[in-house]
Amino acid sequence: MSVFTEKAYIRKDPLNLVVGRDRYQVNNIFDGKMDVRPIQEILKEAEGRVGDEVNYSVTSANCEHFVTDLRYGVARSGQVGRPLAPTACIYVATRRDFPSPGCQGR
């Protein structure tokens, strides 16, 4: 998928398949600033969205917007506005062994 595409599909992939041998870290940057939805609600909604085709925009509807909407109920991105930040957002909200829905590759 090109970052310039207008459509994307929500997928559920194993974390190790997505990150490979790259390092990653969980960034729940709005915890303490926004209310976190119950994990069961996050998981149910994420599972229900797998396979959905969604609008995609680097600046207004990227994967970080998706995961913050799952976690906090508000679509936001801390990446937007930083010139070509060398990060890749992945969503793994549906992994039981990795319950946090937002992370950035490093």
PDB file of N, CA and C in Angstrom:
ATOM      1  N   MET A   1       0.842  -1.184   0.000  1.00  0.00           N
ATOM      2  CA  MET A   1       0.000   0.000   0.000  1.00  0.00           C
ATOM      3  C   MET A   1       0.878   1.234   0.000  1.00  0.00           C
ATOM      4  N   SER A   2       0.631   2.159  -0.853  1.00  0.00           N
ATOM      5  CA  SER A   2       1.342   3.430  -0.894  1.00  0.00           C
ATOM      6  C   SER A   2       0.774   4.359   0.164  1.00  0.00           C
ATOM      7  N   VAL A   3       1.622   5.222   0.721  1.00  0.00           N
ATOM      8  CA  VAL A   3       1.118   6.185   1.702  1.00  0.00           C
ATOM      9  C   VAL A   3       0.219   7.217   1.044  1.00  0.00           C
ATOM     10  N   PHE A   4       0.188   7.232  -0.285  1.00  0.00           N
ATOM     11  CA  PHE A   4      -0.633   8.208  -0.998  1.00  0.00           C
ATOM     12  C   PHE A   4      -1.979   7.636  -1.427  1.00  0.00           C
ATOM     13  N   THR A   5      -2.259   6.407  -1.045  1.00  0.00           N
ATOM     14  CA  THR A   5      -3.526   5.792  -1.413  1.00  0.00           C
ATOM     15  C   THR A   5      -4.665   6.417  -0.606  1.00  0.00           C
ATOM     16  N   GLU A   6      -5.872   6.242  -1.068  1.00  0.00           N
ATOM     17  CA  GLU A   6      -7.017   6.808  -0.370  1.00  0.00           C
ATOM     18  C   GLU A   6      -7.844   5.743   0.343  1.00  0.00           C
ATOM     19  N   LYS A   7      -7.517   4.475   0.136  1.00  0.00           N
ATOM     20  CA  LYS A   7      -8.255   3.383   0.764  1.00  0.00           C
ATOM     21  C   LYS A   7      -7.270   2.414   1.406  1.00  0.00           C
ATOM     22  N   ALA A   8      -7.712   1.779   2.467  1.00  0.00           N
ATOM     23  CA  ALA A   8      -6.904   0.762   3.144  1.00  0.00           C
ATOM     24  C   ALA A   8      -7.851  -0.280   3.707  1.00  0.00           C
ATOM     25  N   TYR A   9      -7.291  -1.424   4.064  1.00  0.00           N
ATOM     26  CA  TYR A   9      -8.062  -2.485   4.690  1.00  0.00           C
ATOM     27  C   TYR A   9      -7.536  -2.720   6.090  1.00  0.00           C
ATOM     28  N   ILE A  10      -8.435  -2.895   7.014  1.00  0.00           N
ATOM     29  CA  ILE A  10      -8.047  -3.203   8.389  1.00  0.00           C
ATOM     30  C   ILE A  10      -7.720  -4.689   8.446  1.00  0.00           C
ATOM     31  N   ARG A  11      -6.509  -4.974   8.936  1.00  0.00           N
ATOM     32  CA  ARG A  11      -6.023  -6.345   9.003  1.00  0.00           C
ATOM     33  C   ARG A  11      -5.636  -6.707  10.423  1.00  0.00           C
ATOM     34  N   LYS A  12      -5.599  -7.986  10.673  1.00  0.00           N
ATOM     35  CA  LYS A  12      -5.115  -8.513  11.945  1.00  0.00           C
ATOM     36  C   LYS A  12      -3.943  -9.434  11.616  1.00  0.00           C
ATOM     37  N   ASP A  13      -2.761  -9.001  11.964  1.00  0.00           N
ATOM     38  CA  ASP A  13      -1.554  -9.784  11.700  1.00  0.00           C
ATOM     39  C   ASP A  13      -0.802 -10.009  13.002  1.00  0.00           C
ATOM     40  N   PRO A  14      -0.103 -11.125  13.113  1.00  0.00           N
ATOM     41  CA  PRO A  14       0.728 -11.337  14.306  1.00  0.00           C
ATOM     42  C   PRO A  14       1.800 -10.251  14.400  1.00  0.00           C
ATOM     43  N   LEU A  15       2.063  -9.792  15.609  1.00  0.00           N
ATOM     44  CA  LEU A  15       3.038  -8.723  15.815  1.00  0.00           C
ATOM     45  C   LEU A  15       4.391  -9.058  15.197  1.00  0.00           C
ATOM     46  N   ASN A  16       4.866 -10.285  15.393  1.00  0.00           N
ATOM     47  CA  ASN A  16       6.192 -10.632  14.864  1.00  0.00           C
ATOM     48  C   ASN A  16       6.227 -10.609  13.346  1.00  0.00           C
ATOM     49  N   LEU A  17       5.106 -10.837  12.681  1.00  0.00           N
ATOM     50  CA  LEU A  17       5.055 -10.746  11.232  1.00  0.00           C
ATOM     51  C   LEU A  17       5.171  -9.290  10.778  1.00  0.00           C
ATOM     52  N   VAL A  18       4.565  -8.387  11.529  1.00  0.00           N
ATOM     53  CA  VAL A  18       4.565  -6.974  11.165  1.00  0.00           C
ATOM     54  C   VAL A  18       5.924  -6.323  11.438  1.00  0.00           C
ATOM     55  N   VAL A  19       6.504  -6.547  12.605  1.00  0.00           N
ATOM     56  CA  VAL A  19       7.741  -5.859  12.974  1.00  0.00           C
ATOM     57  C   VAL A  19       8.996  -6.637  12.626  1.00  0.00           C
ATOM     58  N   GLY A  20       8.846  -7.930  12.399  1.00  0.00           N
ATOM     59  CA  GLY A  20      10.029  -8.738  12.089  1.00  0.00           C
ATOM     60  C   GLY A  20      11.038  -8.653  13.218  1.00  0.00           C
ATOM     61  N   ARG A  21      12.253  -8.286  12.878  1.00  0.00           N
ATOM     62  CA  ARG A  21      13.308  -8.161  13.892  1.00  0.00           C
ATOM     63  C   ARG A  21      13.522  -6.714  14.325  1.00  0.00           C
ATOM     64  N   ASP A  22      12.694  -5.821  13.818  1.00  0.00           N
ATOM     65  CA  ASP A  22      12.814  -4.413  14.193  1.00  0.00           C
ATOM     66  C   ASP A  22      12.366  -4.203  15.624  1.00  0.00           C
ATOM     67  N   ARG A  23      12.923  -3.185  16.259  1.00  0.00           N
ATOM     68  CA  ARG A  23      12.485  -2.816  17.606  1.00  0.00           C
ATOM     69  C   ARG A  23      11.179  -2.042  17.496  1.00  0.00           C
ATOM     70  N   TYR A  24      10.398  -2.085  18.545  1.00  0.00           N
ATOM     71  CA  TYR A  24       9.152  -1.324  18.601  1.00  0.00           C
ATOM     72  C   TYR A  24       8.918  -0.919  20.035  1.00  0.00           C
ATOM     73  N   GLN A  25       8.033   0.039  20.216  1.00  0.00           N
ATOM     74  CA  GLN A  25       7.656   0.420  21.574  1.00  0.00           C
ATOM     75  C   GLN A  25       6.208   0.863  21.576  1.00  0.00           C
ATOM     76  N   VAL A  26       5.566   0.676  22.707  1.00  0.00           N
ATOM     77  CA  VAL A  26       4.181   1.087  22.885  1.00  0.00           C
ATOM     78  C   VAL A  26       4.180   2.556  23.266  1.00  0.00           C
ATOM     79  N   ASN A  27       3.361   3.332  22.596  1.00  0.00           N
ATOM     80  CA  ASN A  27       3.261   4.760  22.881  1.00  0.00           C
ATOM     81  C   ASN A  27       1.802   5.127  23.114  1.00  0.00           C
ATOM     82  N   ASN A  28       1.366   5.002  24.325  1.00  0.00           N
ATOM     83  CA  ASN A  28       0.012   5.428  24.686  1.00  0.00           C
ATOM     84  C   ASN A  28       0.112   6.870  25.167  1.00  0.00           C
ATOM     85  N   ILE A  29       0.395   7.761  24.229  1.00  0.00           N
ATOM     86  CA  ILE A  29       0.768   9.138  24.564  1.00  0.00           C
ATOM     87  C   ILE A  29      -0.350   9.955  25.189  1.00  0.00           C
ATOM     88  N   PHE A  30      -1.587   9.517  25.024  1.00  0.00           N
ATOM     89  CA  PHE A  30      -2.689  10.293  25.585  1.00  0.00           C
ATOM     90  C   PHE A  30      -3.198   9.723  26.908  1.00  0.00           C
ATOM     91  N   ASP A  31      -2.592   8.627  27.396  1.00  0.00           N
ATOM     92  CA  ASP A  31      -2.965   8.109  28.715  1.00  0.00           C
ATOM     93  C   ASP A  31      -2.683   9.192  29.753  1.00  0.00           C
ATOM     94  N   GLY A  32      -3.595   9.371  30.663  1.00  0.00           N
ATOM     95  CA  GLY A  32      -3.447  10.417  31.671  1.00  0.00           C
ATOM     96  C   GLY A  32      -4.010  11.746  31.211  1.00  0.00           C
ATOM     97  N   LYS A  33      -4.214  11.893  29.906  1.00  0.00           N
ATOM     98  CA  LYS A  33      -4.804  13.112  29.347  1.00  0.00           C
ATOM     99  C   LYS A  33      -6.220  12.854  28.850  1.00  0.00           C
ATOM    100  N   MET A  34      -6.474  11.596  28.473  1.00  0.00           N
ATOM    101  CA  MET A  34      -7.780  11.210  27.960  1.00  0.00           C
ATOM    102  C   MET A  34      -8.197   9.917  28.649  1.00  0.00           C
ATOM    103  N   ASP A  35      -9.489   9.681  28.728  1.00  0.00           N
ATOM    104  CA  ASP A  35     -10.000   8.439  29.316  1.00  0.00           C
ATOM    105  C   ASP A  35      -9.736   7.270  28.366  1.00  0.00           C
ATOM    106  N   VAL A  36      -9.267   6.179  28.935  1.00  0.00           N
ATOM    107  CA  VAL A  36      -9.005   4.963  28.164  1.00  0.00           C
ATOM    108  C   VAL A  36     -10.247   4.082  28.227  1.00  0.00           C
ATOM    109  N   ARG A  37     -10.698   3.629  27.061  1.00  0.00           N
ATOM    110  CA  ARG A  37     -11.861   2.741  27.016  1.00  0.00           C
ATOM    111  C   ARG A  37     -11.502   1.384  27.612  1.00  0.00           C
ATOM    112  N   PRO A  38     -12.455   0.651  28.132  1.00  0.00           N
ATOM    113  CA  PRO A  38     -12.183  -0.690  28.653  1.00  0.00           C
ATOM    114  C   PRO A  38     -11.603  -1.595  27.558  1.00  0.00           C
ATOM    115  N   ILE A  39     -10.623  -2.415  27.919  1.00  0.00           N
ATOM    116  CA  ILE A  39      -9.930  -3.253  26.955  1.00  0.00           C
ATOM    117  C   ILE A  39     -10.885  -4.164  26.188  1.00  0.00           C
ATOM    118  N   GLN A  40     -11.910  -4.680  26.849  1.00  0.00           N
ATOM    119  CA  GLN A  40     -12.856  -5.558  26.152  1.00  0.00           C
ATOM    120  C   GLN A  40     -13.615  -4.812  25.056  1.00  0.00           C
ATOM    121  N   GLU A  41     -13.925  -3.537  25.273  1.00  0.00           N
ATOM    122  CA  GLU A  41     -14.575  -2.729  24.231  1.00  0.00           C
ATOM    123  C   GLU A  41     -13.616  -2.503  23.065  1.00  0.00           C
ATOM    124  N   ILE A  42     -12.362  -2.207  23.386  1.00  0.00           N
ATOM    125  CA  ILE A  42     -11.349  -1.990  22.337  1.00  0.00           C
ATOM    126  C   ILE A  42     -11.208  -3.254  21.490  1.00  0.00           C
ATOM    127  N   LEU A  43     -11.054  -4.392  22.154  1.00  0.00           N
ATOM    128  CA  LEU A  43     -10.865  -5.655  21.434  1.00  0.00           C
ATOM    129  C   LEU A  43     -12.079  -6.003  20.580  1.00  0.00           C
ATOM    130  N   LYS A  44     -13.270  -5.841  21.126  1.00  0.00           N
ATOM    131  CA  LYS A  44     -14.491  -6.163  20.386  1.00  0.00           C
ATOM    132  C   LYS A  44     -14.619  -5.292  19.140  1.00  0.00           C
ATOM    133  N   GLU A  45     -14.380  -4.002  19.301  1.00  0.00           N
ATOM    134  CA  GLU A  45     -14.483  -3.105  18.145  1.00  0.00           C
ATOM    135  C   GLU A  45     -13.404  -3.413  17.112  1.00  0.00           C
ATOM    136  N   ALA A  46     -12.176  -3.638  17.569  1.00  0.00           N
ATOM    137  CA  ALA A  46     -11.079  -3.941  16.643  1.00  0.00           C
ATOM    138  C   ALA A  46     -11.367  -5.222  15.866  1.00  0.00           C
ATOM    139  N   GLU A  47     -11.775  -6.275  16.567  1.00  0.00           N
ATOM    140  CA  GLU A  47     -12.103  -7.545  15.904  1.00  0.00           C
ATOM    141  C   GLU A  47     -13.221  -7.363  14.881  1.00  0.00           C
ATOM    142  N   GLY A  48     -14.207  -6.562  15.231  1.00  0.00           N
ATOM    143  CA  GLY A  48     -15.337  -6.320  14.337  1.00  0.00           C
ATOM    144  C   GLY A  48     -14.976  -5.519  13.098  1.00  0.00           C
ATOM    145  N   ARG A  49     -13.852  -4.826  13.135  1.00  0.00           N
ATOM    146  CA  ARG A  49     -13.440  -3.994  11.996  1.00  0.00           C
ATOM    147  C   ARG A  49     -12.498  -4.706  11.033  1.00  0.00           C
ATOM    148  N   VAL A  50     -11.977  -5.869  11.428  1.00  0.00           N
ATOM    149  CA  VAL A  50     -11.055  -6.607  10.558  1.00  0.00           C
ATOM    150  C   VAL A  50     -11.735  -6.893   9.220  1.00  0.00           C
ATOM    151  N   GLY A  51     -11.037  -6.542   8.143  1.00  0.00           N
ATOM    152  CA  GLY A  51     -11.565  -6.743   6.799  1.00  0.00           C
ATOM    153  C   GLY A  51     -12.263  -5.529   6.224  1.00  0.00           C
ATOM    154  N   ASP A  52     -12.577  -4.543   7.076  1.00  0.00           N
ATOM    155  CA  ASP A  52     -13.245  -3.331   6.587  1.00  0.00           C
ATOM    156  C   ASP A  52     -12.327  -2.535   5.670  1.00  0.00           C
ATOM    157  N   GLU A  53     -12.908  -1.983   4.610  1.00  0.00           N
ATOM    158  CA  GLU A  53     -12.196  -1.026   3.780  1.00  0.00           C
ATOM    159  C   GLU A  53     -12.478   0.356   4.368  1.00  0.00           C
ATOM    160  N   VAL A  54     -11.427   1.151   4.578  1.00  0.00           N
ATOM    161  CA  VAL A  54     -11.578   2.469   5.194  1.00  0.00           C
ATOM    162  C   VAL A  54     -10.852   3.523   4.377  1.00  0.00           C
ATOM    163  N   ASN A  55     -11.258   4.757   4.564  1.00  0.00           N
ATOM    164  CA  ASN A  55     -10.534   5.865   3.960  1.00  0.00           C
ATOM    165  C   ASN A  55      -9.181   5.986   4.639  1.00  0.00           C
ATOM    166  N   TYR A  56      -8.162   6.368   3.873  1.00  0.00           N
ATOM    167  CA  TYR A  56      -6.818   6.518   4.421  1.00  0.00           C
ATOM    168  C   TYR A  56      -6.220   7.828   3.933  1.00  0.00           C
ATOM    169  N   SER A  57      -5.627   8.545   4.859  1.00  0.00           N
ATOM    170  CA  SER A  57      -4.905   9.779   4.545  1.00  0.00           C
ATOM    171  C   SER A  57      -3.755   9.893   5.529  1.00  0.00           C
ATOM    172  N   VAL A  58      -2.580  10.197   5.046  1.00  0.00           N
ATOM    173  CA  VAL A  58      -1.416  10.349   5.918  1.00  0.00           C
ATOM    174  C   VAL A  58      -1.685  11.398   6.988  1.00  0.00           C
ATOM    175  N   THR A  59      -2.408  12.448   6.647  1.00  0.00           N
ATOM    176  CA  THR A  59      -2.594  13.564   7.574  1.00  0.00           C
ATOM    177  C   THR A  59      -3.883  13.526   8.387  1.00  0.00           C
ATOM    178  N   SER A  60      -4.916  12.823   7.921  1.00  0.00           N
ATOM    179  CA  SER A  60      -6.181  12.927   8.647  1.00  0.00           C
ATOM    180  C   SER A  60      -6.852  11.591   8.959  1.00  0.00           C
ATOM    181  N   ALA A  61      -6.369  10.504   8.408  1.00  0.00           N
ATOM    182  CA  ALA A  61      -6.988   9.199   8.679  1.00  0.00           C
ATOM    183  C   ALA A  61      -5.943   8.099   8.523  1.00  0.00           C
ATOM    184  N   ASN A  62      -4.888   8.181   9.340  1.00  0.00           N
ATOM    185  CA  ASN A  62      -3.853   7.149   9.252  1.00  0.00           C
ATOM    186  C   ASN A  62      -4.051   6.118  10.352  1.00  0.00           C
ATOM    187  N   CYS A  63      -3.125   5.174  10.456  1.00  0.00           N
ATOM    188  CA  CYS A  63      -3.301   4.094  11.433  1.00  0.00           C
ATOM    189  C   CYS A  63      -3.249   4.604  12.870  1.00  0.00           C
ATOM    190  N   GLU A  64      -2.518   5.682  13.124  1.00  0.00           N
ATOM    191  CA  GLU A  64      -2.510   6.233  14.485  1.00  0.00           C
ATOM    192  C   GLU A  64      -3.872   6.825  14.836  1.00  0.00           C
ATOM    193  N   HIS A  65      -4.516   7.471  13.885  1.00  0.00           N
ATOM    194  CA  HIS A  65      -5.886   7.942  14.115  1.00  0.00           C
ATOM    195  C   HIS A  65      -6.794   6.763  14.468  1.00  0.00           C
ATOM    196  N   PHE A  66      -6.619   5.665  13.742  1.00  0.00           N
ATOM    197  CA  PHE A  66      -7.428   4.472  13.969  1.00  0.00           C
ATOM    198  C   PHE A  66      -7.258   3.947  15.394  1.00  0.00           C
ATOM    199  N   VAL A  67      -6.028   3.783  15.833  1.00  0.00           N
ATOM    200  CA  VAL A  67      -5.811   3.191  17.158  1.00  0.00           C
ATOM    201  C   VAL A  67      -6.172   4.135  18.297  1.00  0.00           C
ATOM    202  N   THR A  68      -5.967   5.441  18.117  1.00  0.00           N
ATOM    203  CA  THR A  68      -6.381   6.354  19.189  1.00  0.00           C
ATOM    204  C   THR A  68      -7.902   6.409  19.280  1.00  0.00           C
ATOM    205  N   ASP A  69      -8.581   6.265  18.152  1.00  0.00           N
ATOM    206  CA  ASP A  69     -10.037   6.201  18.195  1.00  0.00           C
ATOM    207  C   ASP A  69     -10.482   4.937  18.934  1.00  0.00           C
ATOM    208  N   LEU A  70      -9.804   3.820  18.698  1.00  0.00           N
ATOM    209  CA  LEU A  70     -10.123   2.596  19.439  1.00  0.00           C
ATOM    210  C   LEU A  70      -9.876   2.774  20.929  1.00  0.00           C
ATOM    211  N   ARG A  71      -8.721   3.309  21.290  1.00  0.00           N
ATOM    212  CA  ARG A  71      -8.316   3.378  22.701  1.00  0.00           C
ATOM    213  C   ARG A  71      -9.042   4.468  23.486  1.00  0.00           C
ATOM    214  N   TYR A  72      -9.203   5.647  22.868  1.00  0.00           N
ATOM    215  CA  TYR A  72      -9.743   6.806  23.600  1.00  0.00           C
ATOM    216  C   TYR A  72     -11.109   7.276  23.105  1.00  0.00           C
ATOM    217  N   GLY A  73     -11.534   6.775  21.952  1.00  0.00           N
ATOM    218  CA  GLY A  73     -12.799   7.241  21.388  1.00  0.00           C
ATOM    219  C   GLY A  73     -12.662   8.543  20.625  1.00  0.00           C
ATOM    220  N   VAL A  74     -11.418   8.971  20.381  1.00  0.00           N
ATOM    221  CA  VAL A  74     -11.136  10.200  19.637  1.00  0.00           C
ATOM    222  C   VAL A  74      -9.982   9.912  18.683  1.00  0.00           C
ATOM    223  N   ALA A  75     -10.171  10.200  17.414  1.00  0.00           N
ATOM    224  CA  ALA A  75      -9.125   9.954  16.416  1.00  0.00           C
ATOM    225  C   ALA A  75      -8.130  11.110  16.415  1.00  0.00           C
ATOM    226  N   ARG A  76      -6.895  10.805  16.825  1.00  0.00           N
ATOM    227  CA  ARG A  76      -5.822  11.803  16.865  1.00  0.00           C
ATOM    228  C   ARG A  76      -4.527  11.179  16.390  1.00  0.00           C
ATOM    229  N   SER A  77      -3.610  12.047  15.969  1.00  0.00           N
ATOM    230  CA  SER A  77      -2.287  11.566  15.588  1.00  0.00           C
ATOM    231  C   SER A  77      -1.230  12.540  16.065  1.00  0.00           C
ATOM    232  N   GLY A  78      -0.280  12.053  16.840  1.00  0.00           N
ATOM    233  CA  GLY A  78       0.866  12.855  17.244  1.00  0.00           C
ATOM    234  C   GLY A  78       1.902  12.917  16.151  1.00  0.00           C
ATOM    235  N   GLN A  79       1.791  12.036  15.144  1.00  0.00           N
ATOM    236  CA  GLN A  79       2.744  12.013  14.040  1.00  0.00           C
ATOM    237  C   GLN A  79       2.482  13.145  13.056  1.00  0.00           C
ATOM    238  N   VAL A  80       1.229  13.513  12.892  1.00  0.00           N
ATOM    239  CA  VAL A  80       0.882  14.537  11.914  1.00  0.00           C
ATOM    240  C   VAL A  80       1.504  15.858  12.331  1.00  0.00           C
ATOM    241  N   GLY A  81       2.156  16.505  11.404  1.00  0.00           N
ATOM    242  CA  GLY A  81       2.802  17.776  11.685  1.00  0.00           C
ATOM    243  C   GLY A  81       4.304  17.647  11.841  1.00  0.00           C
ATOM    244  N   ARG A  82       4.786  16.422  12.115  1.00  0.00           N
ATOM    245  CA  ARG A  82       6.229  16.200  12.165  1.00  0.00           C
ATOM    246  C   ARG A  82       6.677  15.833  10.761  1.00  0.00           C
ATOM    247  N   PRO A  83       7.649  16.530  10.224  1.00  0.00           N
ATOM    248  CA  PRO A  83       8.060  16.258   8.846  1.00  0.00           C
ATOM    249  C   PRO A  83       8.663  14.860   8.701  1.00  0.00           C
ATOM    250  N   LEU A  84       7.948  14.008   7.995  1.00  0.00           N
ATOM    251  CA  LEU A  84       8.405  12.664   7.671  1.00  0.00           C
ATOM    252  C   LEU A  84       9.057  11.942   8.845  1.00  0.00           C
ATOM    253  N   ALA A  85       8.366  11.908   9.956  1.00  0.00           N
ATOM    254  CA  ALA A  85       8.869  11.189  11.130  1.00  0.00           C
ATOM    255  C   ALA A  85       9.168   9.748  10.745  1.00  0.00           C
ATOM    256  N   PRO A  86      10.316   9.226  11.154  1.00  0.00           N
ATOM    257  CA  PRO A  86      10.706   7.873  10.738  1.00  0.00           C
ATOM    258  C   PRO A  86      10.030   6.803  11.585  1.00  0.00           C
ATOM    259  N   THR A  87       8.720   6.837  11.597  1.00  0.00           N
ATOM    260  CA  THR A  87       7.982   5.855  12.387  1.00  0.00           C
ATOM    261  C   THR A  87       6.916   5.225  11.527  1.00  0.00           C
ATOM    262  N   ALA A  88       6.540   4.059  11.889  1.00  0.00           N
ATOM    263  CA  ALA A  88       5.434   3.373  11.217  1.00  0.00           C
ATOM    264  C   ALA A  88       4.482   2.909  12.294  1.00  0.00           C
ATOM    265  N   CYS A  89       3.259   3.326  12.179  1.00  0.00           N
ATOM    266  CA  CYS A  89       2.267   2.935  13.166  1.00  0.00           C
ATOM    267  C   CYS A  89       1.701   1.579  12.775  1.00  0.00           C
ATOM    268  N   ILE A  90       1.562   0.727  13.745  1.00  0.00           N
ATOM    269  CA  ILE A  90       0.924  -0.561  13.513  1.00  0.00           C
ATOM    270  C   ILE A  90      -0.166  -0.738  14.546  1.00  0.00           C
ATOM    271  N   TYR A  91      -1.187  -1.441  14.194  1.00  0.00           N
ATOM    272  CA  TYR A  91      -2.219  -1.671  15.179  1.00  0.00           C
ATOM    273  C   TYR A  91      -2.318  -3.151  15.477  1.00  0.00           C
ATOM    274  N   VAL A  92      -2.287  -3.423  16.740  1.00  0.00           N
ATOM    275  CA  VAL A  92      -2.324  -4.791  17.206  1.00  0.00           C
ATOM    276  C   VAL A  92      -3.288  -4.916  18.380  1.00  0.00           C
ATOM    277  N   ALA A  93      -4.348  -4.158  18.314  1.00  0.00           N
ATOM    278  CA  ALA A  93      -5.303  -4.121  19.423  1.00  0.00           C
ATOM    279  C   ALA A  93      -5.950  -5.468  19.674  1.00  0.00           C
ATOM    280  N   THR A  94      -5.904  -6.357  18.706  1.00  0.00           N
ATOM    281  CA  THR A  94      -6.615  -7.611  18.853  1.00  0.00           C
ATOM    282  C   THR A  94      -5.735  -8.727  19.387  1.00  0.00           C
ATOM    283  N   ARG A  95      -4.511  -8.426  19.768  1.00  0.00           N
ATOM    284  CA  ARG A  95      -3.605  -9.437  20.317  1.00  0.00           C
ATOM    285  C   ARG A  95      -3.787  -9.519  21.826  1.00  0.00           C
ATOM    286  N   ARG A  96      -4.111 -10.673  22.349  1.00  0.00           N
ATOM    287  CA  ARG A  96      -4.294 -10.836  23.793  1.00  0.00           C
ATOM    288  C   ARG A  96      -2.978 -10.652  24.546  1.00  0.00           C
ATOM    289  N   ASP A  97      -1.860 -11.070  23.945  1.00  0.00           N
ATOM    290  CA  ASP A  97      -0.582 -10.952  24.634  1.00  0.00           C
ATOM    291  C   ASP A  97       0.050  -9.584  24.426  1.00  0.00           C
ATOM    292  N   PHE A  98      -0.616  -8.727  23.709  1.00  0.00           N
ATOM    293  CA  PHE A  98      -0.124  -7.377  23.459  1.00  0.00           C
ATOM    294  C   PHE A  98      -1.337  -6.464  23.438  1.00  0.00           C
ATOM    295  N   PRO A  99      -1.940  -6.189  24.599  1.00  0.00           N
ATOM    296  CA  PRO A  99      -3.259  -5.552  24.627  1.00  0.00           C
ATOM    297  C   PRO A  99      -3.304  -4.078  24.297  1.00  0.00           C
ATOM    298  N   SER A 100      -2.166  -3.420  24.172  1.00  0.00           N
ATOM    299  CA  SER A 100      -2.213  -2.003  23.878  1.00  0.00           C
ATOM    300  C   SER A 100      -2.372  -1.770  22.384  1.00  0.00           C
ATOM    301  N   PRO A 101      -3.350  -0.975  21.952  1.00  0.00           N
ATOM    302  CA  PRO A 101      -3.634  -0.849  20.536  1.00  0.00           C
ATOM    303  C   PRO A 101      -2.730   0.084  19.753  1.00  0.00           C
ATOM    304  N   GLY A 102      -1.897   0.851  20.372  1.00  0.00           N
ATOM    305  CA  GLY A 102      -1.076   1.769  19.602  1.00  0.00           C
ATOM    306  C   GLY A 102       0.388   1.487  19.792  1.00  0.00           C
ATOM    307  N   CYS A 103       1.121   1.468  18.707  1.00  0.00           N
ATOM    308  CA  CYS A 103       2.569   1.359  18.851  1.00  0.00           C
ATOM    309  C   CYS A 103       3.229   1.932  17.621  1.00  0.00           C
ATOM    310  N   GLN A 104       4.465   2.302  17.781  1.00  0.00           N
ATOM    311  CA  GLN A 104       5.228   2.852  16.683  1.00  0.00           C
ATOM    312  C   GLN A 104       6.478   2.025  16.510  1.00  0.00           C
ATOM    313  N   GLY A 105       6.825   1.720  15.270  1.00  0.00           N
ATOM    314  CA  GLY A 105       8.048   0.987  14.997  1.00  0.00           C
ATOM    315  C   GLY A 105       9.254   1.869  15.145  1.00  0.00           C
ATOM    316  N   ARG A 106      10.343   1.310  15.594  1.00  0.00           N
ATOM    317  CA  ARG A 106      11.590   2.064  15.733  1.00  0.00           C
ATOM    318  C   ARG A 106      12.700   1.281  15.098  1.00  0.00           C
TER     319      ARG A 106
END
